[in-house]
Every structure is written in structure tokens, then in C-alpha cells.
Amino acid sequence: MKNLHALAFILVIIGGLNWGLTAFELNVISLLLGSYPIAETIVYVLVGLSAVYLIFTHKRDCKTCSAKNHPAM
């Protein structure tokens, strides 16, 4: 599970950075994989699934959120 969490975290970071760069009209995923549209789609799906996974597992895995003196979210 730790490896899955790390992979999901990395993919969400990549997705977030790519999303931020689109404000400057730069889509890194498209630049890297634009000639392989199926690979580009797979990356976007994996980033989305990673975000969903982290939504449901974040509180369990996050040391800050699971601290006893931290108020519930």
C-alpha cells in the first residue's frame, strides 16, 4: 500500500504541475506524449484515478491529519 500511495502522490503532483502550467499555455504531458494520444489519455486517467484514491485514503495516511490533537476535517 505504501508504494501505491507514493505512486498516486507522484502522479497527482505531476498532474497538478501540468494543470498549473496550462495557465501559461504549456501542457507538458501533451508535449511529451502528444504523438501517442492513447498514452496521453492513459496518463490523464491515471492522474485522475490517483486523485480519487488520495481523496479516500488521505486521512488514514497523512500524519498531520491523523494526529490526535488535530481537529477532525
PDB file of N, CA and C in Angstrom:
ATOM      1  N   MET A   1       0.810  -1.189   0.000  1.00  0.00           N
ATOM      2  CA  MET A   1       0.000   0.000   0.000  1.00  0.00           C
ATOM      3  C   MET A   1       0.860   1.263   0.000  1.00  0.00           C
ATOM      4  N   LYS A   2       2.006   1.188   0.655  1.00  0.00           N
ATOM      5  CA  LYS A   2       2.884   2.358   0.718  1.00  0.00           C
ATOM      6  C   LYS A   2       3.362   2.750  -0.684  1.00  0.00           C
ATOM      7  N   ASN A   3       3.682   1.750  -1.515  1.00  0.00           N
ATOM      8  CA  ASN A   3       4.128   2.038  -2.882  1.00  0.00           C
ATOM      9  C   ASN A   3       3.004   2.632  -3.714  1.00  0.00           C
ATOM     10  N   LEU A   4       1.786   2.122  -3.524  1.00  0.00           N
ATOM     11  CA  LEU A   4       0.639   2.659  -4.250  1.00  0.00           C
ATOM     12  C   LEU A   4       0.390   4.105  -3.852  1.00  0.00           C
ATOM     13  N   HIS A   5       0.497   4.384  -2.560  1.00  0.00           N
ATOM     14  CA  HIS A   5       0.320   5.760  -2.085  1.00  0.00           C
ATOM     15  C   HIS A   5       1.388   6.680  -2.679  1.00  0.00           C
ATOM     16  N   ALA A   6       2.630   6.237  -2.704  1.00  0.00           N
ATOM     17  CA  ALA A   6       3.718   7.049  -3.255  1.00  0.00           C
ATOM     18  C   ALA A   6       3.507   7.299  -4.750  1.00  0.00           C
ATOM     19  N   LEU A   7       3.111   6.269  -5.485  1.00  0.00           N
ATOM     20  CA  LEU A   7       2.858   6.430  -6.913  1.00  0.00           C
ATOM     21  C   LEU A   7       1.698   7.389  -7.160  1.00  0.00           C
ATOM     22  N   ALA A   8       0.625   7.239  -6.394  1.00  0.00           N
ATOM     23  CA  ALA A   8      -0.526   8.131  -6.540  1.00  0.00           C
ATOM     24  C   ALA A   8      -0.124   9.565  -6.224  1.00  0.00           C
ATOM     25  N   PHE A   9       0.663   9.750  -5.181  1.00  0.00           N
ATOM     26  CA  PHE A   9       1.113  11.091  -4.807  1.00  0.00           C
ATOM     27  C   PHE A   9       1.943  11.722  -5.924  1.00  0.00           C
ATOM     28  N   ILE A  10       2.860  10.966  -6.495  1.00  0.00           N
ATOM     29  CA  ILE A  10       3.700  11.477  -7.586  1.00  0.00           C
ATOM     30  C   ILE A  10       2.851  11.844  -8.795  1.00  0.00           C
ATOM     31  N   LEU A  11       1.895  10.994  -9.141  1.00  0.00           N
ATOM     32  CA  LEU A  11       1.036  11.285 -10.299  1.00  0.00           C
ATOM     33  C   LEU A  11       0.170  12.515 -10.060  1.00  0.00           C
ATOM     34  N   VAL A  12      -0.318  12.696  -8.845  1.00  0.00           N
ATOM     35  CA  VAL A  12      -1.119  13.880  -8.546  1.00  0.00           C
ATOM     36  C   VAL A  12      -0.252  15.141  -8.608  1.00  0.00           C
ATOM     37  N   ILE A  13       0.975  15.059  -8.142  1.00  0.00           N
ATOM     38  CA  ILE A  13       1.895  16.202  -8.239  1.00  0.00           C
ATOM     39  C   ILE A  13       2.158  16.536  -9.706  1.00  0.00           C
ATOM     40  N   ILE A  14       2.429  15.526 -10.518  1.00  0.00           N
ATOM     41  CA  ILE A  14       2.655  15.745 -11.952  1.00  0.00           C
ATOM     42  C   ILE A  14       1.426  16.386 -12.581  1.00  0.00           C
ATOM     43  N   GLY A  15       0.253  15.865 -12.249  1.00  0.00           N
ATOM     44  CA  GLY A  15      -0.984  16.422 -12.784  1.00  0.00           C
ATOM     45  C   GLY A  15      -1.206  17.859 -12.346  1.00  0.00           C
ATOM     46  N   GLY A  16      -0.932  18.130 -11.086  1.00  0.00           N
ATOM     47  CA  GLY A  16      -1.092  19.494 -10.577  1.00  0.00           C
ATOM     48  C   GLY A  16      -0.143  20.478 -11.231  1.00  0.00           C
ATOM     49  N   LEU A  17       1.101  20.077 -11.387  1.00  0.00           N
ATOM     50  CA  LEU A  17       2.069  20.947 -12.061  1.00  0.00           C
ATOM     51  C   LEU A  17       1.682  21.172 -13.517  1.00  0.00           C
ATOM     52  N   ASN A  18       1.246  20.108 -14.173  1.00  0.00           N
ATOM     53  CA  ASN A  18       0.824  20.243 -15.564  1.00  0.00           C
ATOM     54  C   ASN A  18      -0.383  21.177 -15.658  1.00  0.00           C
ATOM     55  N   TRP A  19      -1.324  21.033 -14.742  1.00  0.00           N
ATOM     56  CA  TRP A  19      -2.503  21.888 -14.729  1.00  0.00           C
ATOM     57  C   TRP A  19      -2.093  23.346 -14.509  1.00  0.00           C
ATOM     58  N   GLY A  20      -1.163  23.584 -13.593  1.00  0.00           N
ATOM     59  CA  GLY A  20      -0.677  24.940 -13.354  1.00  0.00           C
ATOM     60  C   GLY A  20       0.018  25.535 -14.564  1.00  0.00           C
ATOM     61  N   LEU A  21       0.773  24.709 -15.273  1.00  0.00           N
ATOM     62  CA  LEU A  21       1.481  25.206 -16.457  1.00  0.00           C
ATOM     63  C   LEU A  21       0.534  25.507 -17.619  1.00  0.00           C
ATOM     64  N   THR A  22      -0.647  24.903 -17.602  1.00  0.00           N
ATOM     65  CA  THR A  22      -1.596  25.214 -18.683  1.00  0.00           C
ATOM     66  C   THR A  22      -2.060  26.663 -18.613  1.00  0.00           C
ATOM     67  N   ALA A  23      -1.909  27.311 -17.474  1.00  0.00           N
ATOM     68  CA  ALA A  23      -2.221  28.738 -17.366  1.00  0.00           C
ATOM     69  C   ALA A  23      -1.296  29.556 -18.262  1.00  0.00           C
ATOM     70  N   PHE A  24      -0.138  29.008 -18.550  1.00  0.00           N
ATOM     71  CA  PHE A  24       0.834  29.664 -19.425  1.00  0.00           C
ATOM     72  C   PHE A  24       0.862  29.007 -20.804  1.00  0.00           C
ATOM     73  N   GLU A  25      -0.233  28.302 -21.114  1.00  0.00           N
ATOM     74  CA  GLU A  25      -0.411  27.624 -22.398  1.00  0.00           C
ATOM     75  C   GLU A  25       0.708  26.611 -22.672  1.00  0.00           C
ATOM     76  N   LEU A  26       1.095  25.902 -21.639  1.00  0.00           N
ATOM     77  CA  LEU A  26       2.111  24.872 -21.762  1.00  0.00           C
ATOM     78  C   LEU A  26       1.576  23.585 -21.137  1.00  0.00           C
ATOM     79  N   ASN A  27       1.342  22.583 -21.946  1.00  0.00           N
ATOM     80  CA  ASN A  27       0.858  21.291 -21.479  1.00  0.00           C
ATOM     81  C   ASN A  27       1.991  20.283 -21.664  1.00  0.00           C
ATOM     82  N   VAL A  28       2.691  20.001 -20.578  1.00  0.00           N
ATOM     83  CA  VAL A  28       3.882  19.161 -20.636  1.00  0.00           C
ATOM     84  C   VAL A  28       3.534  17.733 -21.068  1.00  0.00           C
ATOM     85  N   ILE A  29       2.434  17.199 -20.557  1.00  0.00           N
ATOM     86  CA  ILE A  29       2.027  15.836 -20.930  1.00  0.00           C
ATOM     87  C   ILE A  29       1.788  15.756 -22.427  1.00  0.00           C
ATOM     88  N   SER A  30       1.114  16.748 -22.963  1.00  0.00           N
ATOM     89  CA  SER A  30       0.857  16.771 -24.402  1.00  0.00           C
ATOM     90  C   SER A  30       2.152  16.941 -25.194  1.00  0.00           C
ATOM     91  N   LEU A  31       3.058  17.754 -24.675  1.00  0.00           N
ATOM     92  CA  LEU A  31       4.343  17.936 -25.358  1.00  0.00           C
ATOM     93  C   LEU A  31       5.141  16.635 -25.392  1.00  0.00           C
ATOM     94  N   LEU A  32       5.125  15.901 -24.292  1.00  0.00           N
ATOM     95  CA  LEU A  32       5.893  14.657 -24.211  1.00  0.00           C
ATOM     96  C   LEU A  32       5.222  13.495 -24.938  1.00  0.00           C
ATOM     97  N   LEU A  33       3.898  13.425 -24.847  1.00  0.00           N
ATOM     98  CA  LEU A  33       3.192  12.256 -25.372  1.00  0.00           C
ATOM     99  C   LEU A  33       2.191  12.587 -26.473  1.00  0.00           C
ATOM    100  N   GLY A  34       2.235  13.804 -26.991  1.00  0.00           N
ATOM    101  CA  GLY A  34       1.262  14.245 -27.989  1.00  0.00           C
ATOM    102  C   GLY A  34       1.206  13.376 -29.231  1.00  0.00           C
ATOM    103  N   SER A  35       2.321  12.772 -29.600  1.00  0.00           N
ATOM    104  CA  SER A  35       2.332  11.913 -30.789  1.00  0.00           C
ATOM    105  C   SER A  35       1.782  10.518 -30.472  1.00  0.00           C
ATOM    106  N   TYR A  36       1.508  10.259 -29.199  1.00  0.00           N
ATOM    107  CA  TYR A  36       0.914   8.989 -28.761  1.00  0.00           C
ATOM    108  C   TYR A  36      -0.368   9.300 -27.981  1.00  0.00           C
ATOM    109  N   PRO A  37      -1.458   9.596 -28.683  1.00  0.00           N
ATOM    110  CA  PRO A  37      -2.675  10.032 -27.979  1.00  0.00           C
ATOM    111  C   PRO A  37      -3.207   9.019 -26.963  1.00  0.00           C
ATOM    112  N   ILE A  38      -3.038   7.738 -27.218  1.00  0.00           N
ATOM    113  CA  ILE A  38      -3.527   6.743 -26.265  1.00  0.00           C
ATOM    114  C   ILE A  38      -2.699   6.791 -24.978  1.00  0.00           C
ATOM    115  N   ALA A  39      -1.385   6.998 -25.100  1.00  0.00           N
ATOM    116  CA  ALA A  39      -0.522   7.118 -23.914  1.00  0.00           C
ATOM    117  C   ALA A  39      -0.877   8.372 -23.125  1.00  0.00           C
ATOM    118  N   GLU A  40      -1.168   9.452 -23.837  1.00  0.00           N
ATOM    119  CA  GLU A  40      -1.563  10.703 -23.187  1.00  0.00           C
ATOM    120  C   GLU A  40      -2.862  10.499 -22.399  1.00  0.00           C
ATOM    121  N   THR A  41      -3.807   9.823 -23.002  1.00  0.00           N
ATOM    122  CA  THR A  41      -5.077   9.532 -22.332  1.00  0.00           C
ATOM    123  C   THR A  41      -4.863   8.657 -21.110  1.00  0.00           C
ATOM    124  N   ILE A  42      -3.995   7.676 -21.219  1.00  0.00           N
ATOM    125  CA  ILE A  42      -3.707   6.783 -20.090  1.00  0.00           C
ATOM    126  C   ILE A  42      -3.113   7.571 -18.930  1.00  0.00           C
ATOM    127  N   VAL A  43      -2.196   8.484 -19.222  1.00  0.00           N
ATOM    128  CA  VAL A  43      -1.598   9.302 -18.159  1.00  0.00           C
ATOM    129  C   VAL A  43      -2.670  10.140 -17.475  1.00  0.00           C
ATOM    130  N   TYR A  44      -3.548  10.770 -18.249  1.00  0.00           N
ATOM    131  CA  TYR A  44      -4.609  11.581 -17.658  1.00  0.00           C
ATOM    132  C   TYR A  44      -5.548  10.737 -16.804  1.00  0.00           C
ATOM    133  N   VAL A  45      -5.884   9.541 -17.253  1.00  0.00           N
ATOM    134  CA  VAL A  45      -6.745   8.644 -16.479  1.00  0.00           C
ATOM    135  C   VAL A  45      -6.045   8.232 -15.186  1.00  0.00           C
ATOM    136  N   LEU A  46      -4.758   7.899 -15.262  1.00  0.00           N
ATOM    137  CA  LEU A  46      -4.011   7.509 -14.068  1.00  0.00           C
ATOM    138  C   LEU A  46      -3.909   8.651 -13.065  1.00  0.00           C
ATOM    139  N   VAL A  47      -3.713   9.868 -13.550  1.00  0.00           N
ATOM    140  CA  VAL A  47      -3.664  11.025 -12.650  1.00  0.00           C
ATOM    141  C   VAL A  47      -5.017  11.213 -11.973  1.00  0.00           C
ATOM    142  N   GLY A  48      -6.094  11.092 -12.734  1.00  0.00           N
ATOM    143  CA  GLY A  48      -7.430  11.228 -12.158  1.00  0.00           C
ATOM    144  C   GLY A  48      -7.734  10.147 -11.135  1.00  0.00           C
ATOM    145  N   LEU A  49      -7.394   8.907 -11.454  1.00  0.00           N
ATOM    146  CA  LEU A  49      -7.609   7.801 -10.512  1.00  0.00           C
ATOM    147  C   LEU A  49      -6.760   7.977  -9.256  1.00  0.00           C
ATOM    148  N   SER A  50      -5.561   8.510  -9.432  1.00  0.00           N
ATOM    149  CA  SER A  50      -4.695   8.766  -8.281  1.00  0.00           C
ATOM    150  C   SER A  50      -5.318   9.804  -7.359  1.00  0.00           C
ATOM    151  N   ALA A  51      -5.909  10.835  -7.939  1.00  0.00           N
ATOM    152  CA  ALA A  51      -6.566  11.861  -7.126  1.00  0.00           C
ATOM    153  C   ALA A  51      -7.733  11.265  -6.349  1.00  0.00           C
ATOM    154  N   VAL A  52      -8.523  10.432  -6.991  1.00  0.00           N
ATOM    155  CA  VAL A  52      -9.652   9.788  -6.311  1.00  0.00           C
ATOM    156  C   VAL A  52      -9.138   8.889  -5.186  1.00  0.00           C
ATOM    157  N   TYR A  53      -8.093   8.131  -5.458  1.00  0.00           N
ATOM    158  CA  TYR A  53      -7.501   7.259  -4.442  1.00  0.00           C
ATOM    159  C   TYR A  53      -7.046   8.081  -3.230  1.00  0.00           C
ATOM    160  N   LEU A  54      -6.366   9.192  -3.482  1.00  0.00           N
ATOM    161  CA  LEU A  54      -5.858  10.010  -2.382  1.00  0.00           C
ATOM    162  C   LEU A  54      -6.985  10.679  -1.608  1.00  0.00           C
ATOM    163  N   ILE A  55      -8.075  11.016  -2.288  1.00  0.00           N
ATOM    164  CA  ILE A  55      -9.221  11.596  -1.591  1.00  0.00           C
ATOM    165  C   ILE A  55      -9.720  10.640  -0.508  1.00  0.00           C
ATOM    166  N   PHE A  56      -9.796   9.355  -0.855  1.00  0.00           N
ATOM    167  CA  PHE A  56     -10.350   8.383   0.075  1.00  0.00           C
ATOM    168  C   PHE A  56      -9.345   7.839   1.090  1.00  0.00           C
ATOM    169  N   THR A  57      -8.058   7.953   0.820  1.00  0.00           N
ATOM    170  CA  THR A  57      -7.064   7.381   1.735  1.00  0.00           C
ATOM    171  C   THR A  57      -6.215   8.427   2.441  1.00  0.00           C
ATOM    172  N   HIS A  58      -6.387   9.679   2.123  1.00  0.00           N
ATOM    173  CA  HIS A  58      -5.509  10.729   2.655  1.00  0.00           C
ATOM    174  C   HIS A  58      -5.527  10.782   4.178  1.00  0.00           C
ATOM    175  N   LYS A  59      -6.687  10.820   4.757  1.00  0.00           N
ATOM    176  CA  LYS A  59      -6.771  10.980   6.208  1.00  0.00           C
ATOM    177  C   LYS A  59      -6.105   9.821   6.949  1.00  0.00           C
ATOM    178  N   ARG A  60      -6.205   8.628   6.404  1.00  0.00           N
ATOM    179  CA  ARG A  60      -5.578   7.468   7.027  1.00  0.00           C
ATOM    180  C   ARG A  60      -4.054   7.534   6.910  1.00  0.00           C
ATOM    181  N   ASP A  61      -3.550   8.020   5.764  1.00  0.00           N
ATOM    182  CA  ASP A  61      -2.112   8.003   5.504  1.00  0.00           C
ATOM    183  C   ASP A  61      -1.379   9.258   5.963  1.00  0.00           C
ATOM    184  N   CYS A  62      -2.087  10.365   6.112  1.00  0.00           N
ATOM    185  CA  CYS A  62      -1.442  11.640   6.444  1.00  0.00           C
ATOM    186  C   CYS A  62      -1.185  11.739   7.935  1.00  0.00           C
ATOM    187  N   LYS A  63       0.052  11.932   8.324  1.00  0.00           N
ATOM    188  CA  LYS A  63       0.411  12.017   9.736  1.00  0.00           C
ATOM    189  C   LYS A  63      -0.189  13.261  10.384  1.00  0.00           C
ATOM    190  N   THR A  64      -0.274  14.348   9.647  1.00  0.00           N
ATOM    191  CA  THR A  64      -0.852  15.571  10.192  1.00  0.00           C
ATOM    192  C   THR A  64      -2.343  15.410  10.433  1.00  0.00           C
ATOM    193  N   CYS A  65      -3.038  14.814   9.468  1.00  0.00           N
ATOM    194  CA  CYS A  65      -4.491  14.652   9.591  1.00  0.00           C
ATOM    195  C   CYS A  65      -4.877  13.610  10.624  1.00  0.00           C
ATOM    196  N   SER A  66      -4.006  12.648  10.855  1.00  0.00           N
ATOM    197  CA  SER A  66      -4.347  11.589  11.797  1.00  0.00           C
ATOM    198  C   SER A  66      -3.827  11.868  13.208  1.00  0.00           C
ATOM    199  N   ALA A  67      -3.190  13.022  13.415  1.00  0.00           N
ATOM    200  CA  ALA A  67      -2.693  13.372  14.748  1.00  0.00           C
ATOM    201  C   ALA A  67      -3.870  13.528  15.698  1.00  0.00           C
ATOM    202  N   LYS A  68      -3.697  13.070  16.937  1.00  0.00           N
ATOM    203  CA  LYS A  68      -4.801  13.092  17.894  1.00  0.00           C
ATOM    204  C   LYS A  68      -5.221  14.509  18.291  1.00  0.00           C
ATOM    205  N   ASN A  69      -4.305  15.437  18.273  1.00  0.00           N
ATOM    206  CA  ASN A  69      -4.656  16.795  18.669  1.00  0.00           C
ATOM    207  C   ASN A  69      -5.131  17.653  17.503  1.00  0.00           C
ATOM    208  N   HIS A  70      -5.223  17.072  16.348  1.00  0.00           N
ATOM    209  CA  HIS A  70      -5.688  17.803  15.161  1.00  0.00           C
ATOM    210  C   HIS A  70      -7.194  17.644  15.050  1.00  0.00           C
ATOM    211  N   PRO A  71      -7.937  18.758  14.889  1.00  0.00           N
ATOM    212  CA  PRO A  71      -9.398  18.631  14.780  1.00  0.00           C
ATOM    213  C   PRO A  71      -9.805  17.856  13.531  1.00  0.00           C
ATOM    214  N   ALA A  72     -10.908  17.160  13.646  1.00  0.00           N
ATOM    215  CA  ALA A  72     -11.416  16.371  12.516  1.00  0.00           C
ATOM    216  C   ALA A  72     -11.814  17.276  11.365  1.00  0.00           C
ATOM    217  N   MET A  73     -11.634  16.747  10.171  1.00  0.00           N
ATOM    218  CA  MET A  73     -11.978  17.522   8.977  1.00  0.00           C
ATOM    219  C   MET A  73     -13.417  17.285   8.615  1.00  0.00           C
TER     220      MET A  73
END
